[in-house]
């Protein structure tokens, strides 16, 4: 496997992985810019859906961020099954319209919100990786000193074996 080393590595291996990762880091800015464009496009699409939903009497953004239950006053031991049955009867002839005009838009808005959030997290991960990779490689390189000028070893046994030619 490529770059398959942990605590035992040579300075040459470190330089190889540094060169590879520096090339990858150069691409990160372009990837981040692409993600930002995708986020902006998704936000525009979401806003258009919210406007369409609003024109149909909905409030999909509010339902997307619904976090707490409204204050409901319930009379103890009140049976609400009659109300539920009546509501079902009222909605039954219009269920396709409800699903098509309201639920589909709400679903799409929620999916776009999830997508936007995931893309923002990806931008953050890439920015952090870009900043930390070179720093971590420098820390590893600082581990090479006069005693181990060409190799780093994860254990003293591996160092002894290396010195003995094993």
N, C-alpha and C. Protein backbone atom coordinates (compact mmCIF):
# COMPACT_ATOMS: atom_id res chain seq x y z
N UNK A 1 0.85 -1.17 0.00
CA UNK A 1 0.00 0.00 0.00
C UNK A 1 0.90 1.24 0.00
N UNK A 2 0.48 2.26 -0.71
CA UNK A 2 1.26 3.49 -0.80
C UNK A 2 1.38 4.17 0.56
N UNK A 3 2.58 4.63 0.87
CA UNK A 3 2.85 5.35 2.11
C UNK A 3 2.42 4.53 3.33
N UNK A 4 2.72 3.24 3.29
CA UNK A 4 2.28 2.34 4.36
C UNK A 4 3.36 2.25 5.44
N UNK A 5 3.50 3.33 6.20
CA UNK A 5 4.42 3.33 7.32
C UNK A 5 3.85 4.20 8.41
N UNK A 6 4.17 3.84 9.63
CA UNK A 6 3.68 4.63 10.76
C UNK A 6 4.89 5.23 11.46
N UNK A 7 5.36 4.61 12.52
CA UNK A 7 6.45 5.19 13.31
C UNK A 7 7.83 4.94 12.73
N UNK A 8 7.96 3.97 11.81
CA UNK A 8 9.24 3.66 11.22
C UNK A 8 9.23 4.17 9.79
N UNK A 9 10.09 5.13 9.51
CA UNK A 9 10.18 5.64 8.16
C UNK A 9 11.52 6.30 7.93
N UNK A 10 11.86 6.42 6.68
CA UNK A 10 13.12 7.08 6.32
C UNK A 10 12.83 8.52 5.95
N UNK A 11 13.90 9.30 5.95
CA UNK A 11 13.77 10.70 5.55
C UNK A 11 13.31 10.77 4.10
N UNK A 12 13.76 9.84 3.29
CA UNK A 12 13.34 9.81 1.88
C UNK A 12 11.83 9.54 1.78
N UNK A 13 11.32 8.61 2.59
CA UNK A 13 9.88 8.34 2.58
C UNK A 13 9.09 9.57 3.02
N UNK A 14 9.60 10.26 4.03
CA UNK A 14 8.94 11.47 4.49
C UNK A 14 8.91 12.52 3.38
N UNK A 15 10.01 12.65 2.67
CA UNK A 15 10.06 13.63 1.57
C UNK A 15 9.11 13.24 0.44
N UNK A 16 8.99 11.94 0.18
CA UNK A 16 8.05 11.48 -0.85
C UNK A 16 6.61 11.83 -0.49
N UNK A 17 6.23 11.52 0.75
CA UNK A 17 4.85 11.82 1.15
C UNK A 17 4.62 13.32 1.23
N UNK A 18 5.64 14.08 1.64
CA UNK A 18 5.50 15.54 1.67
C UNK A 18 5.24 16.07 0.25
N UNK A 19 6.01 15.61 -0.72
CA UNK A 19 5.82 16.06 -2.10
C UNK A 19 4.42 15.72 -2.60
N UNK A 20 3.97 14.49 -2.30
CA UNK A 20 2.63 14.09 -2.72
C UNK A 20 1.56 14.95 -2.07
N UNK A 21 1.66 15.14 -0.77
CA UNK A 21 0.64 15.90 -0.04
C UNK A 21 0.65 17.38 -0.41
N UNK A 22 1.81 17.93 -0.70
CA UNK A 22 1.86 19.33 -1.12
C UNK A 22 1.13 19.53 -2.45
N UNK A 23 1.22 18.53 -3.35
CA UNK A 23 0.45 18.59 -4.59
C UNK A 23 -1.04 18.54 -4.30
N UNK A 24 -1.42 17.70 -3.34
CA UNK A 24 -2.84 17.59 -2.99
C UNK A 24 -3.35 18.89 -2.38
N UNK A 25 -2.52 19.52 -1.58
CA UNK A 25 -2.91 20.78 -0.92
C UNK A 25 -3.15 21.87 -1.95
N UNK A 26 -2.37 21.87 -3.03
CA UNK A 26 -2.58 22.86 -4.08
C UNK A 26 -3.98 22.74 -4.67
N UNK A 27 -4.51 21.52 -4.72
CA UNK A 27 -5.85 21.30 -5.28
C UNK A 27 -6.96 21.68 -4.31
N UNK A 28 -6.65 21.78 -3.02
CA UNK A 28 -7.70 22.02 -2.02
C UNK A 28 -8.41 23.34 -2.24
N UNK A 29 -7.67 24.39 -2.57
CA UNK A 29 -8.32 25.69 -2.79
C UNK A 29 -9.35 25.61 -3.91
N UNK A 30 -9.01 24.91 -4.99
CA UNK A 30 -9.96 24.75 -6.09
C UNK A 30 -11.17 23.93 -5.65
N UNK A 31 -10.93 22.89 -4.87
CA UNK A 31 -12.03 22.07 -4.36
C UNK A 31 -12.94 22.89 -3.45
N UNK A 32 -12.34 23.70 -2.59
CA UNK A 32 -13.13 24.54 -1.69
C UNK A 32 -13.97 25.52 -2.50
N UNK A 33 -13.38 26.13 -3.52
CA UNK A 33 -14.13 27.07 -4.36
C UNK A 33 -15.30 26.38 -5.06
N UNK A 34 -15.08 25.16 -5.54
CA UNK A 34 -16.15 24.40 -6.18
C UNK A 34 -17.27 24.12 -5.19
N UNK A 35 -16.91 23.73 -3.96
CA UNK A 35 -17.92 23.47 -2.93
C UNK A 35 -18.71 24.73 -2.60
N UNK A 36 -18.05 25.87 -2.54
CA UNK A 36 -18.73 27.13 -2.24
C UNK A 36 -19.73 27.47 -3.34
N UNK A 37 -19.36 27.23 -4.59
CA UNK A 37 -20.29 27.46 -5.71
C UNK A 37 -21.50 26.53 -5.57
N UNK A 38 -21.24 25.27 -5.23
CA UNK A 38 -22.35 24.32 -5.04
C UNK A 38 -23.26 24.76 -3.89
N UNK A 39 -22.67 25.25 -2.82
CA UNK A 39 -23.47 25.73 -1.69
C UNK A 39 -24.35 26.90 -2.13
N UNK A 40 -23.78 27.84 -2.86
CA UNK A 40 -24.55 29.00 -3.34
C UNK A 40 -25.69 28.56 -4.26
N UNK A 41 -25.42 27.61 -5.16
CA UNK A 41 -26.48 27.10 -6.05
C UNK A 41 -27.59 26.42 -5.26
N UNK A 42 -27.20 25.63 -4.27
CA UNK A 42 -28.20 24.94 -3.45
C UNK A 42 -29.03 25.94 -2.66
N UNK A 43 -28.40 27.00 -2.16
CA UNK A 43 -29.14 28.03 -1.42
C UNK A 43 -30.14 28.74 -2.33
N UNK A 44 -29.72 29.04 -3.58
CA UNK A 44 -30.65 29.69 -4.51
C UNK A 44 -31.84 28.78 -4.81
N UNK A 45 -31.56 27.51 -5.06
CA UNK A 45 -32.64 26.55 -5.33
C UNK A 45 -33.56 26.44 -4.13
N UNK A 46 -32.97 26.35 -2.94
CA UNK A 46 -33.79 26.26 -1.72
C UNK A 46 -34.67 27.50 -1.58
N UNK A 47 -34.11 28.67 -1.81
CA UNK A 47 -34.89 29.91 -1.68
C UNK A 47 -36.04 29.96 -2.69
N UNK A 48 -35.81 29.46 -3.90
CA UNK A 48 -36.89 29.41 -4.89
C UNK A 48 -38.00 28.46 -4.43
N UNK A 49 -37.62 27.33 -3.85
CA UNK A 49 -38.62 26.39 -3.34
C UNK A 49 -39.39 27.00 -2.16
N UNK A 50 -38.70 27.73 -1.31
CA UNK A 50 -39.37 28.37 -0.18
C UNK A 50 -40.39 29.38 -0.68
N UNK A 51 -40.04 30.14 -1.71
CA UNK A 51 -40.98 31.11 -2.29
C UNK A 51 -42.18 30.38 -2.89
N UNK A 52 -41.92 29.30 -3.62
CA UNK A 52 -43.02 28.53 -4.21
C UNK A 52 -43.92 27.97 -3.12
N UNK A 53 -43.32 27.45 -2.06
CA UNK A 53 -44.09 26.91 -0.94
C UNK A 53 -44.91 28.00 -0.27
N UNK A 54 -44.32 29.16 -0.11
CA UNK A 54 -45.03 30.29 0.49
C UNK A 54 -46.22 30.70 -0.37
N UNK A 55 -46.05 30.68 -1.68
CA UNK A 55 -47.15 31.02 -2.58
C UNK A 55 -48.29 30.02 -2.48
N UNK A 56 -47.97 28.80 -2.06
CA UNK A 56 -49.00 27.77 -1.86
C UNK A 56 -49.53 27.75 -0.43
N UNK A 57 -49.09 28.73 0.37
CA UNK A 57 -49.59 28.84 1.73
C UNK A 57 -48.75 28.11 2.77
N UNK A 58 -47.62 27.57 2.38
CA UNK A 58 -46.79 26.82 3.30
C UNK A 58 -45.72 27.67 3.94
N UNK A 59 -45.00 27.06 4.87
CA UNK A 59 -43.89 27.72 5.54
C UNK A 59 -42.80 26.66 5.76
N UNK A 60 -42.22 26.19 4.65
CA UNK A 60 -41.28 25.06 4.72
C UNK A 60 -40.03 25.36 5.52
N UNK A 61 -39.56 26.60 5.51
CA UNK A 61 -38.38 26.91 6.31
C UNK A 61 -38.70 26.77 7.79
N UNK A 62 -39.86 27.23 8.19
CA UNK A 62 -40.24 27.10 9.60
C UNK A 62 -40.34 25.63 9.99
N UNK A 63 -40.95 24.82 9.15
CA UNK A 63 -41.10 23.41 9.49
C UNK A 63 -39.75 22.68 9.43
N UNK A 64 -38.81 23.20 8.63
CA UNK A 64 -37.49 22.57 8.54
C UNK A 64 -36.69 22.75 9.82
N UNK A 65 -36.92 23.87 10.49
CA UNK A 65 -36.17 24.17 11.70
C UNK A 65 -37.04 24.04 12.94
N UNK A 66 -38.08 23.24 12.85
CA UNK A 66 -39.01 23.04 13.95
C UNK A 66 -38.27 22.34 15.08
N UNK A 67 -38.07 23.02 16.19
CA UNK A 67 -37.27 22.42 17.27
C UNK A 67 -38.04 22.21 18.56
N UNK A 68 -39.12 22.92 18.74
CA UNK A 68 -39.86 22.71 19.98
C UNK A 68 -41.35 22.64 19.68
N UNK A 69 -42.03 21.91 20.52
CA UNK A 69 -43.47 21.75 20.32
C UNK A 69 -44.20 23.02 20.71
N UNK A 70 -45.25 23.33 19.98
CA UNK A 70 -46.04 24.50 20.36
C UNK A 70 -46.76 24.23 21.68
N UNK A 71 -47.16 25.30 22.34
CA UNK A 71 -47.93 25.14 23.57
C UNK A 71 -49.29 24.55 23.23
N UNK A 72 -49.55 23.40 23.80
CA UNK A 72 -50.82 22.73 23.54
C UNK A 72 -51.52 22.55 24.87
N UNK A 73 -52.75 23.00 24.90
CA UNK A 73 -53.58 22.81 26.09
C UNK A 73 -54.47 21.60 25.84
N UNK A 74 -54.24 20.56 26.58
CA UNK A 74 -55.05 19.35 26.43
C UNK A 74 -55.86 19.14 27.70
N UNK A 75 -57.10 18.95 27.49
CA UNK A 75 -57.99 18.70 28.62
C UNK A 75 -57.80 17.25 29.05
N UNK A 76 -57.55 17.00 30.33
CA UNK A 76 -57.34 15.63 30.79
C UNK A 76 -58.51 14.72 30.40
N UNK A 77 -58.14 13.52 29.99
CA UNK A 77 -59.08 12.47 29.63
C UNK A 77 -59.99 12.85 28.46
N UNK A 78 -59.55 13.83 27.67
CA UNK A 78 -60.34 14.18 26.48
C UNK A 78 -59.96 13.21 25.37
N UNK A 79 -60.92 12.67 24.71
CA UNK A 79 -60.68 11.73 23.64
C UNK A 79 -60.56 12.51 22.34
N UNK A 80 -59.38 12.46 21.72
CA UNK A 80 -59.20 13.21 20.48
C UNK A 80 -59.36 12.34 19.24
N UNK A 81 -59.81 11.10 19.42
CA UNK A 81 -59.97 10.22 18.26
C UNK A 81 -61.06 10.73 17.32
N UNK A 82 -62.10 11.36 17.85
CA UNK A 82 -63.14 11.90 16.97
C UNK A 82 -62.57 12.99 16.07
N UNK A 83 -61.73 13.84 16.65
CA UNK A 83 -61.11 14.91 15.87
C UNK A 83 -60.19 14.32 14.81
N UNK A 84 -59.43 13.30 15.18
CA UNK A 84 -58.52 12.66 14.23
C UNK A 84 -59.29 12.03 13.08
N UNK A 85 -60.39 11.38 13.37
CA UNK A 85 -61.21 10.76 12.33
C UNK A 85 -61.78 11.83 11.40
N UNK A 86 -62.29 12.92 11.98
CA UNK A 86 -62.83 14.00 11.16
C UNK A 86 -61.74 14.64 10.29
N UNK A 87 -60.56 14.83 10.87
CA UNK A 87 -59.46 15.43 10.10
C UNK A 87 -59.06 14.52 8.94
N UNK A 88 -59.01 13.22 9.18
CA UNK A 88 -58.69 12.27 8.12
C UNK A 88 -59.73 12.34 7.01
N UNK A 89 -61.00 12.43 7.37
CA UNK A 89 -62.06 12.52 6.37
C UNK A 89 -61.97 13.81 5.56
N UNK A 90 -61.58 14.89 6.22
CA UNK A 90 -61.44 16.18 5.52
C UNK A 90 -60.27 16.13 4.54
N UNK A 91 -59.16 15.52 4.96
CA UNK A 91 -57.95 15.51 4.14
C UNK A 91 -57.98 14.47 3.02
N UNK A 92 -58.73 13.40 3.19
CA UNK A 92 -58.69 12.26 2.26
C UNK A 92 -58.86 12.68 0.79
N UNK A 93 -59.84 13.49 0.42
CA UNK A 93 -59.99 13.83 -1.00
C UNK A 93 -58.85 14.70 -1.54
N UNK A 94 -58.09 15.31 -0.65
CA UNK A 94 -57.06 16.25 -1.08
C UNK A 94 -55.64 15.75 -0.78
N UNK A 95 -55.52 14.47 -0.41
CA UNK A 95 -54.23 13.96 0.02
C UNK A 95 -53.16 14.09 -1.06
N UNK A 96 -53.52 13.86 -2.32
CA UNK A 96 -52.53 14.00 -3.40
C UNK A 96 -52.08 15.45 -3.54
N UNK A 97 -53.01 16.39 -3.40
CA UNK A 97 -52.64 17.81 -3.47
C UNK A 97 -51.74 18.19 -2.30
N UNK A 98 -52.06 17.69 -1.12
CA UNK A 98 -51.25 17.99 0.07
C UNK A 98 -49.83 17.46 -0.15
N UNK A 99 -49.74 16.21 -0.61
CA UNK A 99 -48.41 15.62 -0.82
C UNK A 99 -47.66 16.35 -1.92
N UNK A 100 -48.34 16.63 -3.03
CA UNK A 100 -47.65 17.24 -4.16
C UNK A 100 -47.28 18.69 -3.89
N UNK A 101 -48.19 19.45 -3.35
CA UNK A 101 -47.96 20.89 -3.22
C UNK A 101 -47.22 21.28 -1.96
N UNK A 102 -47.28 20.49 -0.93
CA UNK A 102 -46.67 20.92 0.33
C UNK A 102 -45.56 19.99 0.80
N UNK A 103 -45.87 18.70 0.92
CA UNK A 103 -44.90 17.78 1.49
C UNK A 103 -43.67 17.63 0.62
N UNK A 104 -43.85 17.57 -0.71
CA UNK A 104 -42.69 17.42 -1.61
C UNK A 104 -41.77 18.62 -1.51
N UNK A 105 -42.34 19.80 -1.44
CA UNK A 105 -41.51 21.00 -1.34
C UNK A 105 -40.79 21.01 0.00
N UNK A 106 -41.51 20.72 1.08
CA UNK A 106 -40.88 20.67 2.40
C UNK A 106 -39.74 19.66 2.42
N UNK A 107 -39.96 18.49 1.81
CA UNK A 107 -38.94 17.45 1.76
C UNK A 107 -37.71 17.96 1.00
N UNK A 108 -37.94 18.60 -0.14
CA UNK A 108 -36.82 19.12 -0.94
C UNK A 108 -36.05 20.19 -0.18
N UNK A 109 -36.76 21.06 0.53
CA UNK A 109 -36.09 22.11 1.31
C UNK A 109 -35.23 21.47 2.40
N UNK A 110 -35.77 20.47 3.08
CA UNK A 110 -35.00 19.78 4.12
C UNK A 110 -33.77 19.10 3.54
N UNK A 111 -33.91 18.44 2.39
CA UNK A 111 -32.78 17.79 1.74
C UNK A 111 -31.72 18.80 1.34
N UNK A 112 -32.16 19.94 0.82
CA UNK A 112 -31.19 20.99 0.44
C UNK A 112 -30.49 21.55 1.67
N UNK A 113 -31.23 21.72 2.76
CA UNK A 113 -30.59 22.19 4.00
C UNK A 113 -29.52 21.19 4.47
N UNK A 114 -29.83 19.91 4.40
CA UNK A 114 -28.86 18.88 4.77
C UNK A 114 -27.64 18.93 3.85
N UNK A 115 -27.89 19.05 2.55
CA UNK A 115 -26.81 19.11 1.58
C UNK A 115 -25.91 20.31 1.84
N UNK A 116 -26.51 21.47 2.09
CA UNK A 116 -25.74 22.69 2.36
C UNK A 116 -24.88 22.50 3.61
N UNK A 117 -25.46 21.93 4.64
CA UNK A 117 -24.71 21.69 5.89
C UNK A 117 -23.53 20.75 5.65
N UNK A 118 -23.76 19.69 4.89
CA UNK A 118 -22.68 18.74 4.60
C UNK A 118 -21.57 19.40 3.79
N UNK A 119 -21.93 20.23 2.83
CA UNK A 119 -20.92 20.91 2.02
C UNK A 119 -20.11 21.91 2.86
N UNK A 120 -20.77 22.58 3.79
CA UNK A 120 -20.05 23.50 4.68
C UNK A 120 -19.06 22.72 5.55
N UNK A 121 -19.48 21.57 6.05
CA UNK A 121 -18.58 20.73 6.85
C UNK A 121 -17.39 20.26 6.02
N UNK A 122 -17.64 19.92 4.76
CA UNK A 122 -16.56 19.49 3.88
C UNK A 122 -15.57 20.62 3.63
N UNK A 123 -16.07 21.83 3.44
CA UNK A 123 -15.19 23.00 3.28
C UNK A 123 -14.32 23.16 4.52
N UNK A 124 -14.93 23.05 5.69
CA UNK A 124 -14.18 23.18 6.94
C UNK A 124 -13.11 22.10 7.06
N UNK A 125 -13.46 20.84 6.74
CA UNK A 125 -12.49 19.74 6.83
C UNK A 125 -11.30 19.97 5.90
N UNK A 126 -11.59 20.42 4.70
CA UNK A 126 -10.52 20.65 3.74
C UNK A 126 -9.63 21.81 4.17
N UNK A 127 -10.23 22.86 4.69
CA UNK A 127 -9.43 24.01 5.15
C UNK A 127 -8.55 23.61 6.34
N UNK A 128 -9.09 22.83 7.25
CA UNK A 128 -8.31 22.37 8.40
C UNK A 128 -7.18 21.45 7.94
N UNK A 129 -7.48 20.53 7.02
CA UNK A 129 -6.46 19.62 6.52
C UNK A 129 -5.34 20.40 5.85
N UNK A 130 -5.71 21.41 5.09
CA UNK A 130 -4.70 22.22 4.41
C UNK A 130 -3.77 22.89 5.43
N UNK A 131 -4.35 23.46 6.46
CA UNK A 131 -3.56 24.18 7.46
C UNK A 131 -2.69 23.24 8.29
N UNK A 132 -3.22 22.10 8.65
CA UNK A 132 -2.52 21.23 9.59
C UNK A 132 -1.53 20.27 8.95
N UNK A 133 -1.72 19.93 7.69
CA UNK A 133 -0.86 18.91 7.07
C UNK A 133 0.60 19.34 7.04
N UNK A 134 0.87 20.52 6.55
CA UNK A 134 2.26 20.99 6.48
C UNK A 134 2.84 21.12 7.89
N UNK A 135 2.05 21.62 8.81
CA UNK A 135 2.50 21.75 10.20
C UNK A 135 2.89 20.39 10.77
N UNK A 136 2.06 19.37 10.55
CA UNK A 136 2.36 18.02 11.07
C UNK A 136 3.58 17.42 10.38
N UNK A 137 3.71 17.63 9.07
CA UNK A 137 4.88 17.12 8.37
C UNK A 137 6.16 17.78 8.91
N UNK A 138 6.09 19.06 9.21
CA UNK A 138 7.25 19.75 9.79
C UNK A 138 7.60 19.18 11.16
N UNK A 139 6.58 18.86 11.95
CA UNK A 139 6.82 18.26 13.27
C UNK A 139 7.51 16.90 13.13
N UNK A 140 7.07 16.11 12.14
CA UNK A 140 7.70 14.80 11.93
C UNK A 140 9.15 14.99 11.50
N UNK A 141 9.38 15.93 10.58
CA UNK A 141 10.74 16.16 10.09
C UNK A 141 11.67 16.60 11.21
N UNK A 142 11.14 17.33 12.18
CA UNK A 142 11.95 17.77 13.31
C UNK A 142 12.40 16.60 14.19
N UNK A 143 11.71 15.46 14.05
CA UNK A 143 12.09 14.27 14.83
C UNK A 143 13.41 13.68 14.33
N UNK A 144 13.75 13.96 13.08
CA UNK A 144 15.02 13.48 12.55
C UNK A 144 16.13 14.34 13.14
N UNK A 145 17.10 13.71 13.78
CA UNK A 145 18.22 14.46 14.37
C UNK A 145 19.51 13.70 14.08
N UNK A 146 20.59 14.09 14.72
CA UNK A 146 21.88 13.45 14.45
C UNK A 146 21.86 11.95 14.74
N UNK A 147 21.19 11.53 15.78
CA UNK A 147 21.17 10.12 16.17
C UNK A 147 20.40 9.27 15.15
N UNK A 148 19.44 9.85 14.52
CA UNK A 148 18.64 9.09 13.55
C UNK A 148 18.47 9.92 12.27
N UNK A 149 19.56 10.36 11.72
CA UNK A 149 19.51 11.31 10.62
C UNK A 149 18.82 10.78 9.37
N UNK A 150 18.73 9.48 9.21
CA UNK A 150 18.11 8.95 7.99
C UNK A 150 16.81 8.18 8.23
N UNK A 151 16.58 7.76 9.48
CA UNK A 151 15.39 6.95 9.76
C UNK A 151 14.80 7.32 11.12
N UNK A 152 13.49 7.15 11.21
CA UNK A 152 12.78 7.21 12.50
C UNK A 152 12.27 5.82 12.79
N UNK A 153 12.30 5.44 14.06
CA UNK A 153 11.86 4.12 14.45
C UNK A 153 10.82 4.22 15.55
N UNK A 154 9.83 3.33 15.46
CA UNK A 154 8.74 3.36 16.44
C UNK A 154 9.15 2.73 17.77
N UNK A 155 10.15 1.86 17.76
CA UNK A 155 10.62 1.24 19.00
C UNK A 155 12.15 1.16 18.97
N UNK A 156 12.74 1.02 20.13
CA UNK A 156 14.20 0.87 20.20
C UNK A 156 14.63 -0.46 19.60
N UNK A 157 13.79 -1.50 19.69
CA UNK A 157 14.12 -2.79 19.07
C UNK A 157 14.25 -2.65 17.56
N UNK A 158 13.36 -1.87 16.96
CA UNK A 158 13.44 -1.68 15.51
C UNK A 158 14.71 -0.91 15.15
N UNK A 159 15.12 0.02 16.00
CA UNK A 159 16.37 0.75 15.77
C UNK A 159 17.56 -0.21 15.86
N UNK A 160 17.58 -1.06 16.89
CA UNK A 160 18.67 -2.03 17.06
C UNK A 160 18.72 -2.99 15.86
N UNK A 161 17.56 -3.48 15.46
CA UNK A 161 17.51 -4.38 14.30
C UNK A 161 18.02 -3.69 13.05
N UNK A 162 17.68 -2.43 12.89
CA UNK A 162 18.14 -1.67 11.72
C UNK A 162 19.66 -1.54 11.74
N UNK A 163 20.20 -1.22 12.92
CA UNK A 163 21.65 -1.04 13.04
C UNK A 163 22.38 -2.37 12.79
N UNK A 164 21.75 -3.48 13.13
CA UNK A 164 22.36 -4.80 12.93
C UNK A 164 22.11 -5.33 11.52
N UNK A 165 21.39 -4.58 10.73
CA UNK A 165 21.14 -4.96 9.36
C UNK A 165 20.02 -5.96 9.17
N UNK A 166 19.11 -6.03 10.15
CA UNK A 166 18.01 -6.98 10.05
C UNK A 166 16.78 -6.34 9.47
